[in-house]
């Protein structure tokens, strides 16, 4: 049974990763892009963007993040630091959704950011990481300029980030203690 579920999920994942927008969606994207490039402020831009987002949500079977847990997860990501002390990259122009079984999903639309960079920054030491899908052809923030990445987080990811941060802090403390002990040993040797 578990094998059948994994095969089914793998099939869905492959299906979603190969989804392409239809011609009506592409037409709306071109209209939005033209309005953005003309710096149009008539309200038509916002209307088209909302239409695109609604069609995107329907195609990908996403629901609004009614509990705003995706936004809270994004705050945790902003506060998170990678092993080299940097902030995770690529979380720009974000929208928040839920997927199957209330899975947390953040859609980010950064300029010139590869999925691999986001994945590298969010892969924890125990291998826990989100699934990231490059769906740039579905962009609705600035089609043609911004990428669109769907970041699907496993349950418990925020807790796993906290645990990683604690382990990293403890490792820094341990390293500092080792350095102090080594320095004391050198001082005693010259003593």
C-alpha atoms as a PDB file:
ATOM      1  CA  UNK A   1       0.000   0.000   0.000  1.00  0.00           C
ATOM      2  CA  UNK A   2       2.754   2.471   0.944  1.00  0.00           C
ATOM      3  CA  UNK A   3       4.569   1.682  -2.319  1.00  0.00           C
ATOM      4  CA  UNK A   4       1.391   2.372  -4.289  1.00  0.00           C
ATOM      5  CA  UNK A   5       0.990   5.742  -2.546  1.00  0.00           C
ATOM      6  CA  UNK A   6       4.615   6.672  -3.293  1.00  0.00           C
ATOM      7  CA  UNK A   7       4.154   5.734  -6.964  1.00  0.00           C
ATOM      8  CA  UNK A   8       0.935   7.746  -7.104  1.00  0.00           C
ATOM      9  CA  UNK A   9       2.619  10.766  -5.478  1.00  0.00           C
ATOM     10  CA  UNK A  10       5.618  10.450  -7.815  1.00  0.00           C
ATOM     11  CA  UNK A  11       3.214  10.414 -10.767  1.00  0.00           C
ATOM     12  CA  UNK A  12       1.469  13.548  -9.502  1.00  0.00           C
ATOM     13  CA  UNK A  13       4.801  15.260  -8.917  1.00  0.00           C
ATOM     14  CA  UNK A  14       5.858  14.491 -12.485  1.00  0.00           C
ATOM     15  CA  UNK A  15       2.495  15.664 -13.783  1.00  0.00           C
ATOM     16  CA  UNK A  16       2.667  18.975 -11.936  1.00  0.00           C
ATOM     17  CA  UNK A  17       6.294  19.612 -12.878  1.00  0.00           C
ATOM     18  CA  UNK A  18       5.416  19.320 -16.565  1.00  0.00           C
ATOM     19  CA  UNK A  19       2.288  21.480 -16.440  1.00  0.00           C
ATOM     20  CA  UNK A  20       2.219  24.365 -18.871  1.00  0.00           C
ATOM     21  CA  UNK A  21      -0.162  27.327 -18.973  1.00  0.00           C
ATOM     22  CA  UNK A  22      -2.738  27.448 -21.745  1.00  0.00           C
ATOM     23  CA  UNK A  23      -2.920  30.120 -24.450  1.00  0.00           C
ATOM     24  CA  UNK A  24      -5.435  32.293 -22.567  1.00  0.00           C
ATOM     25  CA  UNK A  25      -3.070  32.408 -19.575  1.00  0.00           C
ATOM     26  CA  UNK A  26      -0.133  33.344 -21.821  1.00  0.00           C
ATOM     27  CA  UNK A  27      -2.230  36.092 -23.429  1.00  0.00           C
ATOM     28  CA  UNK A  28      -3.005  37.577 -20.006  1.00  0.00           C
ATOM     29  CA  UNK A  29       0.695  37.400 -19.113  1.00  0.00           C
ATOM     30  CA  UNK A  30       1.584  39.377 -22.242  1.00  0.00           C
ATOM     31  CA  UNK A  31      -1.071  41.965 -21.419  1.00  0.00           C
ATOM     32  CA  UNK A  32       0.284  42.309 -17.885  1.00  0.00           C
ATOM     33  CA  UNK A  33       3.857  42.568 -19.115  1.00  0.00           C
ATOM     34  CA  UNK A  34       2.876  45.344 -21.561  1.00  0.00           C
ATOM     35  CA  UNK A  35       1.053  47.256 -18.807  1.00  0.00           C
ATOM     36  CA  UNK A  36       4.036  46.952 -16.463  1.00  0.00           C
ATOM     37  CA  UNK A  37       6.442  48.167 -19.140  1.00  0.00           C
ATOM     38  CA  UNK A  38       4.170  51.179 -19.818  1.00  0.00           C
ATOM     39  CA  UNK A  39       4.029  51.887 -16.045  1.00  0.00           C
ATOM     40  CA  UNK A  40       0.242  51.705 -16.275  1.00  0.00           C
ATOM     41  CA  UNK A  41      -1.446  52.526 -12.973  1.00  0.00           C
ATOM     42  CA  UNK A  42      -5.074  52.296 -14.135  1.00  0.00           C
ATOM     43  CA  UNK A  43      -5.955  49.301 -11.984  1.00  0.00           C
ATOM     44  CA  UNK A  44      -5.995  46.993 -14.996  1.00  0.00           C
ATOM     45  CA  UNK A  45      -2.594  45.642 -13.924  1.00  0.00           C
ATOM     46  CA  UNK A  46      -3.920  44.544 -10.560  1.00  0.00           C
ATOM     47  CA  UNK A  47      -7.006  43.018 -12.152  1.00  0.00           C
ATOM     48  CA  UNK A  48      -4.971  40.940 -14.609  1.00  0.00           C
ATOM     49  CA  UNK A  49      -2.512  39.887 -11.902  1.00  0.00           C
ATOM     50  CA  UNK A  50      -5.421  38.632  -9.772  1.00  0.00           C
ATOM     51  CA  UNK A  51      -6.880  36.752 -12.749  1.00  0.00           C
ATOM     52  CA  UNK A  52      -3.514  35.100 -13.392  1.00  0.00           C
ATOM     53  CA  UNK A  53      -3.069  34.159  -9.752  1.00  0.00           C
ATOM     54  CA  UNK A  54      -6.566  32.690  -9.583  1.00  0.00           C
ATOM     55  CA  UNK A  55      -5.936  30.579 -12.721  1.00  0.00           C
ATOM     56  CA  UNK A  56      -2.534  29.526 -11.331  1.00  0.00           C
ATOM     57  CA  UNK A  57      -4.111  28.401  -8.050  1.00  0.00           C
ATOM     58  CA  UNK A  58      -6.799  26.420  -9.868  1.00  0.00           C
ATOM     59  CA  UNK A  59      -4.316  24.713 -12.197  1.00  0.00           C
ATOM     60  CA  UNK A  60      -1.966  23.734  -9.380  1.00  0.00           C
ATOM     61  CA  UNK A  61      -4.794  22.873  -6.988  1.00  0.00           C
ATOM     62  CA  UNK A  62      -3.649  25.358  -4.328  1.00  0.00           C
ATOM     63  CA  UNK A  63      -5.915  27.026  -1.791  1.00  0.00           C
ATOM     64  CA  UNK A  64      -5.395  30.345  -0.014  1.00  0.00           C
ATOM     65  CA  UNK A  65      -3.365  30.076   3.191  1.00  0.00           C
ATOM     66  CA  UNK A  66      -6.360  30.802   5.398  1.00  0.00           C
ATOM     67  CA  UNK A  67      -4.410  30.391   8.654  1.00  0.00           C
ATOM     68  CA  UNK A  68      -1.458  32.465   7.373  1.00  0.00           C
ATOM     69  CA  UNK A  69       0.967  29.745   8.370  1.00  0.00           C
ATOM     70  CA  UNK A  70       2.964  30.187   5.162  1.00  0.00           C
ATOM     71  CA  UNK A  71       3.623  33.804   6.073  1.00  0.00           C
ATOM     72  CA  UNK A  72       4.783  32.731   9.518  1.00  0.00           C
ATOM     73  CA  UNK A  73       7.034  30.124   7.915  1.00  0.00           C
ATOM     74  CA  UNK A  74       8.475  32.830   5.667  1.00  0.00           C
ATOM     75  CA  UNK A  75       9.300  34.940   8.745  1.00  0.00           C
ATOM     76  CA  UNK A  76      11.126  31.908  10.200  1.00  0.00           C
ATOM     77  CA  UNK A  77      13.013  31.512   6.908  1.00  0.00           C
ATOM     78  CA  UNK A  78      13.997  35.207   6.980  1.00  0.00           C
ATOM     79  CA  UNK A  79      15.452  34.700  10.465  1.00  0.00           C
ATOM     80  CA  UNK A  80      17.158  31.419   9.545  1.00  0.00           C
ATOM     81  CA  UNK A  81      20.878  31.381   8.760  1.00  0.00           C
ATOM     82  CA  UNK A  82      22.656  28.804   6.626  1.00  0.00           C
ATOM     83  CA  UNK A  83      25.853  27.053   7.754  1.00  0.00           C
ATOM     84  CA  UNK A  84      27.905  29.944   6.376  1.00  0.00           C
ATOM     85  CA  UNK A  85      25.756  32.509   8.230  1.00  0.00           C
ATOM     86  CA  UNK A  86      23.842  33.895   5.254  1.00  0.00           C
ATOM     87  CA  UNK A  87      20.103  34.363   4.792  1.00  0.00           C
ATOM     88  CA  UNK A  88      18.330  31.969   2.425  1.00  0.00           C
ATOM     89  CA  UNK A  89      18.119  33.501  -1.034  1.00  0.00           C
ATOM     90  CA  UNK A  90      15.252  33.816  -3.458  1.00  0.00           C
ATOM     91  CA  UNK A  91      12.234  34.704  -1.329  1.00  0.00           C
ATOM     92  CA  UNK A  92      10.921  37.756  -3.180  1.00  0.00           C
ATOM     93  CA  UNK A  93       7.370  38.682  -4.146  1.00  0.00           C
ATOM     94  CA  UNK A  94       5.967  35.752  -2.154  1.00  0.00           C
ATOM     95  CA  UNK A  95       2.427  34.440  -2.013  1.00  0.00           C
ATOM     96  CA  UNK A  96       1.248  31.777   0.398  1.00  0.00           C
ATOM     97  CA  UNK A  97      -0.946  28.761  -0.217  1.00  0.00           C
ATOM     98  CA  UNK A  98      -1.872  25.381   1.137  1.00  0.00           C
ATOM     99  CA  UNK A  99      -1.796  22.177  -0.816  1.00  0.00           C
ATOM    100  CA  UNK A 100      -2.951  18.643  -0.186  1.00  0.00           C
ATOM    101  CA  UNK A 101      -3.416  17.949   3.553  1.00  0.00           C
ATOM    102  CA  UNK A 102      -2.702  21.613   4.368  1.00  0.00           C
ATOM    103  CA  UNK A 103       0.911  21.417   3.155  1.00  0.00           C
ATOM    104  CA  UNK A 104       2.623  24.811   3.430  1.00  0.00           C
ATOM    105  CA  UNK A 105       3.498  26.276   0.051  1.00  0.00           C
ATOM    106  CA  UNK A 106       5.335  29.497  -0.668  1.00  0.00           C
ATOM    107  CA  UNK A 107       5.392  30.744  -4.236  1.00  0.00           C
ATOM    108  CA  UNK A 108       8.306  33.081  -4.762  1.00  0.00           C
ATOM    109  CA  UNK A 109       8.925  35.163  -7.864  1.00  0.00           C
ATOM    110  CA  UNK A 110      12.514  36.421  -7.662  1.00  0.00           C
ATOM    111  CA  UNK A 111      14.576  37.907 -10.465  1.00  0.00           C
ATOM    112  CA  UNK A 112      17.345  35.622 -11.755  1.00  0.00           C
ATOM    113  CA  UNK A 113      17.372  33.014  -8.988  1.00  0.00           C
ATOM    114  CA  UNK A 114      17.750  29.315  -9.698  1.00  0.00           C
ATOM    115  CA  UNK A 115      15.828  26.655  -7.770  1.00  0.00           C
ATOM    116  CA  UNK A 116      19.145  25.016  -6.923  1.00  0.00           C
ATOM    117  CA  UNK A 117      20.268  28.074  -4.917  1.00  0.00           C
ATOM    118  CA  UNK A 118      17.072  28.045  -2.854  1.00  0.00           C
ATOM    119  CA  UNK A 119      17.373  24.294  -2.314  1.00  0.00           C
ATOM    120  CA  UNK A 120      21.018  24.617  -1.267  1.00  0.00           C
ATOM    121  CA  UNK A 121      20.134  27.264   1.319  1.00  0.00           C
ATOM    122  CA  UNK A 122      17.186  25.302   2.747  1.00  0.00           C
ATOM    123  CA  UNK A 123      18.652  21.790   2.865  1.00  0.00           C
ATOM    124  CA  UNK A 124      19.297  21.080   6.533  1.00  0.00           C
ATOM    125  CA  UNK A 125      22.122  18.913   7.880  1.00  0.00           C
ATOM    126  CA  UNK A 126      19.806  15.915   8.271  1.00  0.00           C
ATOM    127  CA  UNK A 127      18.752  16.131   4.616  1.00  0.00           C
ATOM    128  CA  UNK A 128      15.339  17.644   5.331  1.00  0.00           C
ATOM    129  CA  UNK A 129      14.448  20.090   2.582  1.00  0.00           C
ATOM    130  CA  UNK A 130      11.466  21.460   0.698  1.00  0.00           C
ATOM    131  CA  UNK A 131      10.447  20.325  -2.767  1.00  0.00           C
ATOM    132  CA  UNK A 132      11.084  23.128  -5.244  1.00  0.00           C
ATOM    133  CA  UNK A 133       9.443  23.302  -8.654  1.00  0.00           C
ATOM    134  CA  UNK A 134      10.532  25.758 -11.331  1.00  0.00           C
ATOM    135  CA  UNK A 135       7.260  26.998 -12.813  1.00  0.00           C
ATOM    136  CA  UNK A 136       8.555  30.221 -14.361  1.00  0.00           C
ATOM    137  CA  UNK A 137       6.171  29.911 -17.294  1.00  0.00           C
ATOM    138  CA  UNK A 138       3.341  30.523 -14.757  1.00  0.00           C
ATOM    139  CA  UNK A 139       4.762  33.849 -13.468  1.00  0.00           C
ATOM    140  CA  UNK A 140       2.109  36.374 -12.491  1.00  0.00           C
ATOM    141  CA  UNK A 141       4.184  39.024 -10.663  1.00  0.00           C
ATOM    142  CA  UNK A 142       6.225  40.182 -13.679  1.00  0.00           C
ATOM    143  CA  UNK A 143       5.946  37.625 -16.498  1.00  0.00           C
ATOM    144  CA  UNK A 144       9.007  37.457 -18.679  1.00  0.00           C
ATOM    145  CA  UNK A 145      11.262  39.016 -16.045  1.00  0.00           C
ATOM    146  CA  UNK A 146      10.688  37.205 -12.750  1.00  0.00           C
ATOM    147  CA  UNK A 147      10.996  33.480 -12.192  1.00  0.00           C
ATOM    148  CA  UNK A 148       8.296  31.568 -10.364  1.00  0.00           C
ATOM    149  CA  UNK A 149       9.325  28.854  -7.929  1.00  0.00           C
ATOM    150  CA  UNK A 150       6.896  26.716  -5.972  1.00  0.00           C
ATOM    151  CA  UNK A 151       8.405  25.772  -2.620  1.00  0.00           C
ATOM    152  CA  UNK A 152       6.524  22.913  -0.932  1.00  0.00           C
ATOM    153  CA  UNK A 153       7.574  22.425   2.677  1.00  0.00           C
ATOM    154  CA  UNK A 154       7.451  19.118   4.514  1.00  0.00           C
ATOM    155  CA  UNK A 155       5.481  19.115   7.740  1.00  0.00           C
ATOM    156  CA  UNK A 156       7.664  20.119  10.684  1.00  0.00           C
ATOM    157  CA  UNK A 157      10.132  22.113   8.576  1.00  0.00           C
ATOM    158  CA  UNK A 158      10.021  25.182  10.850  1.00  0.00           C
ATOM    159  CA  UNK A 159      10.879  22.976  13.864  1.00  0.00           C
ATOM    160  CA  UNK A 160      13.671  21.310  11.878  1.00  0.00           C
ATOM    161  CA  UNK A 161      15.118  24.771  11.093  1.00  0.00           C
ATOM    162  CA  UNK A 162      15.014  25.655  14.816  1.00  0.00           C
ATOM    163  CA  UNK A 163      16.802  22.404  15.698  1.00  0.00           C
ATOM    164  CA  UNK A 164      19.424  23.064  12.997  1.00  0.00           C
ATOM    165  CA  UNK A 165      19.992  26.597  14.329  1.00  0.00           C
ATOM    166  CA  UNK A 166      20.420  25.287  17.886  1.00  0.00           C
ATOM    167  CA  UNK A 167      22.916  22.641  16.727  1.00  0.00           C
ATOM    168  CA  UNK A 168      24.833  25.257  14.749  1.00  0.00           C
ATOM    169  CA  UNK A 169      24.944  27.593  17.767  1.00  0.00           C
ATOM    170  CA  UNK A 170      26.118  24.742  20.014  1.00  0.00           C
ATOM    171  CA  UNK A 171      28.834  23.847  17.508  1.00  0.00           C
ATOM    172  CA  UNK A 172      30.046  27.464  17.536  1.00  0.00           C
ATOM    173  CA  UNK A 173      30.118  27.441  21.356  1.00  0.00           C
ATOM    174  CA  UNK A 174      32.008  24.135  21.360  1.00  0.00           C
ATOM    175  CA  UNK A 175      34.469  25.519  18.800  1.00  0.00           C
ATOM    176  CA  UNK A 176      35.009  28.652  20.920  1.00  0.00           C
ATOM    177  CA  UNK A 177      35.643  26.516  24.021  1.00  0.00           C
ATOM    178  CA  UNK A 178      38.193  24.457  22.102  1.00  0.00           C
ATOM    179  CA  UNK A 179      39.946  27.630  20.984  1.00  0.00           C
ATOM    180  CA  UNK A 180      40.026  28.966  24.563  1.00  0.00           C
ATOM    181  CA  UNK A 181      41.412  25.666  25.883  1.00  0.00           C
ATOM    182  CA  UNK A 182      44.079  25.631  23.166  1.00  0.00           C
ATOM    183  CA  UNK A 183      45.022  29.226  23.959  1.00  0.00           C
ATOM    184  CA  UNK A 184      45.222  28.436  27.698  1.00  0.00           C
ATOM    185  CA  UNK A 185      47.416  25.413  26.963  1.00  0.00           C
ATOM    186  CA  UNK A 186      49.775  27.613  24.882  1.00  0.00           C
ATOM    187  CA  UNK A 187      49.918  30.201  27.686  1.00  0.00           C
ATOM    188  CA  UNK A 188      50.708  27.515  30.256  1.00  0.00           C
ATOM    189  CA  UNK A 189      53.415  26.091  28.026  1.00  0.00           C
ATOM    190  CA  UNK A 190      55.124  29.495  27.850  1.00  0.00           C
ATOM    191  CA  UNK A 191      54.414  30.078  31.399  1.00  0.00           C
END
